[in-house]
């Protein structure tokens, strides 16, 4: 995932929005076991 400061770029395009929505849907469907597994294999990282 790419983050950017608002002063560097105005907005995201339609394709980026579709991709982010799909990613959000997938991540929000993870249960505790799925999250732990994804963290363990480095698919996602936990940010505190």
N, C-alpha and C. Protein backbone atom coordinates (compact mmCIF):
# COMPACT_ATOMS: atom_id res chain seq x y z
N UNK A 1 0.84 -1.16 0.00
CA UNK A 1 0.00 0.00 0.00
C UNK A 1 0.89 1.23 0.00
N UNK A 2 0.46 2.24 -0.68
CA UNK A 2 1.23 3.47 -0.82
C UNK A 2 0.50 4.60 -0.11
N UNK A 3 1.17 5.25 0.80
CA UNK A 3 0.60 6.42 1.47
C UNK A 3 1.29 7.67 0.97
N UNK A 4 0.57 8.76 0.92
CA UNK A 4 1.16 10.01 0.46
C UNK A 4 0.56 11.18 1.22
N UNK A 5 1.36 12.20 1.35
CA UNK A 5 0.88 13.43 2.00
C UNK A 5 -0.04 14.17 1.05
N UNK A 6 -1.09 14.76 1.57
CA UNK A 6 -2.05 15.48 0.74
C UNK A 6 -1.40 16.60 -0.06
N UNK A 7 -0.30 17.15 0.43
CA UNK A 7 0.34 18.23 -0.31
C UNK A 7 1.21 17.71 -1.46
N UNK A 8 1.39 16.38 -1.55
CA UNK A 8 2.17 15.78 -2.64
C UNK A 8 1.29 15.34 -3.81
N UNK A 9 0.02 15.10 -3.53
CA UNK A 9 -0.87 14.55 -4.54
C UNK A 9 -2.30 14.89 -4.16
N UNK A 10 -3.10 15.28 -5.14
CA UNK A 10 -4.47 15.70 -4.84
C UNK A 10 -5.38 14.57 -4.38
N UNK A 11 -5.39 13.48 -5.12
CA UNK A 11 -6.32 12.42 -4.81
C UNK A 11 -5.88 11.13 -5.48
N UNK A 12 -6.66 10.08 -5.29
CA UNK A 12 -6.40 8.81 -5.96
C UNK A 12 -7.32 8.71 -7.18
N UNK A 13 -6.91 7.90 -8.16
CA UNK A 13 -7.74 7.76 -9.35
C UNK A 13 -8.75 6.63 -9.16
N UNK A 14 -9.61 6.45 -10.14
CA UNK A 14 -10.70 5.47 -10.06
C UNK A 14 -10.17 4.05 -9.87
N UNK A 15 -9.12 3.69 -10.60
CA UNK A 15 -8.56 2.33 -10.47
C UNK A 15 -7.96 2.10 -9.08
N UNK A 16 -7.30 3.10 -8.54
CA UNK A 16 -6.74 2.98 -7.19
C UNK A 16 -7.86 2.84 -6.17
N UNK A 17 -8.94 3.58 -6.34
CA UNK A 17 -10.07 3.49 -5.42
C UNK A 17 -10.69 2.09 -5.44
N UNK A 18 -10.88 1.53 -6.64
CA UNK A 18 -11.43 0.18 -6.76
C UNK A 18 -10.53 -0.83 -6.05
N UNK A 19 -9.22 -0.70 -6.26
CA UNK A 19 -8.27 -1.62 -5.64
C UNK A 19 -8.28 -1.49 -4.12
N UNK A 20 -8.32 -0.27 -3.61
CA UNK A 20 -8.35 -0.06 -2.17
C UNK A 20 -9.64 -0.60 -1.55
N UNK A 21 -10.75 -0.46 -2.24
CA UNK A 21 -12.02 -1.00 -1.75
C UNK A 21 -11.97 -2.53 -1.69
N UNK A 22 -11.38 -3.14 -2.72
CA UNK A 22 -11.26 -4.60 -2.73
C UNK A 22 -10.35 -5.07 -1.61
N UNK A 23 -9.23 -4.37 -1.40
CA UNK A 23 -8.31 -4.71 -0.32
C UNK A 23 -8.99 -4.57 1.04
N UNK A 24 -9.72 -3.49 1.23
CA UNK A 24 -10.42 -3.27 2.50
C UNK A 24 -11.43 -4.38 2.75
N UNK A 25 -12.18 -4.75 1.73
CA UNK A 25 -13.17 -5.83 1.88
C UNK A 25 -12.49 -7.13 2.29
N UNK A 26 -11.37 -7.45 1.64
CA UNK A 26 -10.63 -8.67 1.98
C UNK A 26 -10.11 -8.63 3.41
N UNK A 27 -9.46 -7.53 3.78
CA UNK A 27 -8.88 -7.43 5.12
C UNK A 27 -9.94 -7.44 6.21
N UNK A 28 -11.07 -6.81 5.96
CA UNK A 28 -12.13 -6.78 6.97
C UNK A 28 -12.82 -8.13 7.14
N UNK A 29 -12.60 -9.04 6.21
CA UNK A 29 -13.20 -10.37 6.33
C UNK A 29 -12.31 -11.32 7.13
N UNK A 30 -11.08 -10.92 7.45
CA UNK A 30 -10.15 -11.78 8.20
C UNK A 30 -10.67 -11.98 9.63
N UNK A 31 -10.60 -13.23 10.09
CA UNK A 31 -10.86 -13.49 11.50
C UNK A 31 -9.52 -13.44 12.25
N UNK A 32 -9.53 -13.71 13.54
CA UNK A 32 -8.31 -13.62 14.34
C UNK A 32 -7.21 -14.56 13.84
N UNK A 33 -7.60 -15.77 13.45
CA UNK A 33 -6.64 -16.75 12.97
C UNK A 33 -6.02 -16.28 11.65
N UNK A 34 -6.86 -15.77 10.74
CA UNK A 34 -6.36 -15.25 9.46
C UNK A 34 -5.39 -14.10 9.67
N UNK A 35 -5.72 -13.20 10.59
CA UNK A 35 -4.84 -12.07 10.87
C UNK A 35 -3.50 -12.52 11.41
N UNK A 36 -3.52 -13.43 12.37
CA UNK A 36 -2.28 -13.93 12.95
C UNK A 36 -1.41 -14.60 11.89
N UNK A 37 -2.04 -15.40 11.02
CA UNK A 37 -1.30 -16.08 9.97
C UNK A 37 -0.70 -15.07 8.99
N UNK A 38 -1.46 -14.07 8.60
CA UNK A 38 -0.97 -13.05 7.66
C UNK A 38 0.20 -12.27 8.26
N UNK A 39 0.12 -11.98 9.54
CA UNK A 39 1.22 -11.29 10.23
C UNK A 39 2.44 -12.19 10.30
N UNK A 40 2.20 -13.45 10.63
CA UNK A 40 3.29 -14.42 10.78
C UNK A 40 4.10 -14.60 9.49
N UNK A 41 3.43 -14.64 8.36
CA UNK A 41 4.13 -14.87 7.08
C UNK A 41 4.57 -13.56 6.42
N UNK A 42 4.30 -12.43 7.06
CA UNK A 42 4.75 -11.14 6.54
C UNK A 42 3.86 -10.56 5.45
N UNK A 43 2.67 -11.13 5.30
CA UNK A 43 1.73 -10.60 4.31
C UNK A 43 1.24 -9.22 4.70
N UNK A 44 1.06 -9.03 5.99
CA UNK A 44 0.70 -7.72 6.54
C UNK A 44 1.56 -7.49 7.78
N UNK A 45 1.67 -6.23 8.17
CA UNK A 45 2.38 -5.92 9.41
C UNK A 45 1.44 -5.18 10.34
N UNK A 46 1.62 -5.39 11.60
CA UNK A 46 0.82 -4.72 12.61
C UNK A 46 1.46 -3.38 12.94
N UNK A 47 0.67 -2.33 12.83
CA UNK A 47 1.16 -0.99 13.13
C UNK A 47 0.45 -0.52 14.38
N UNK A 48 1.22 -0.16 15.38
CA UNK A 48 0.63 0.26 16.65
C UNK A 48 0.68 1.76 16.79
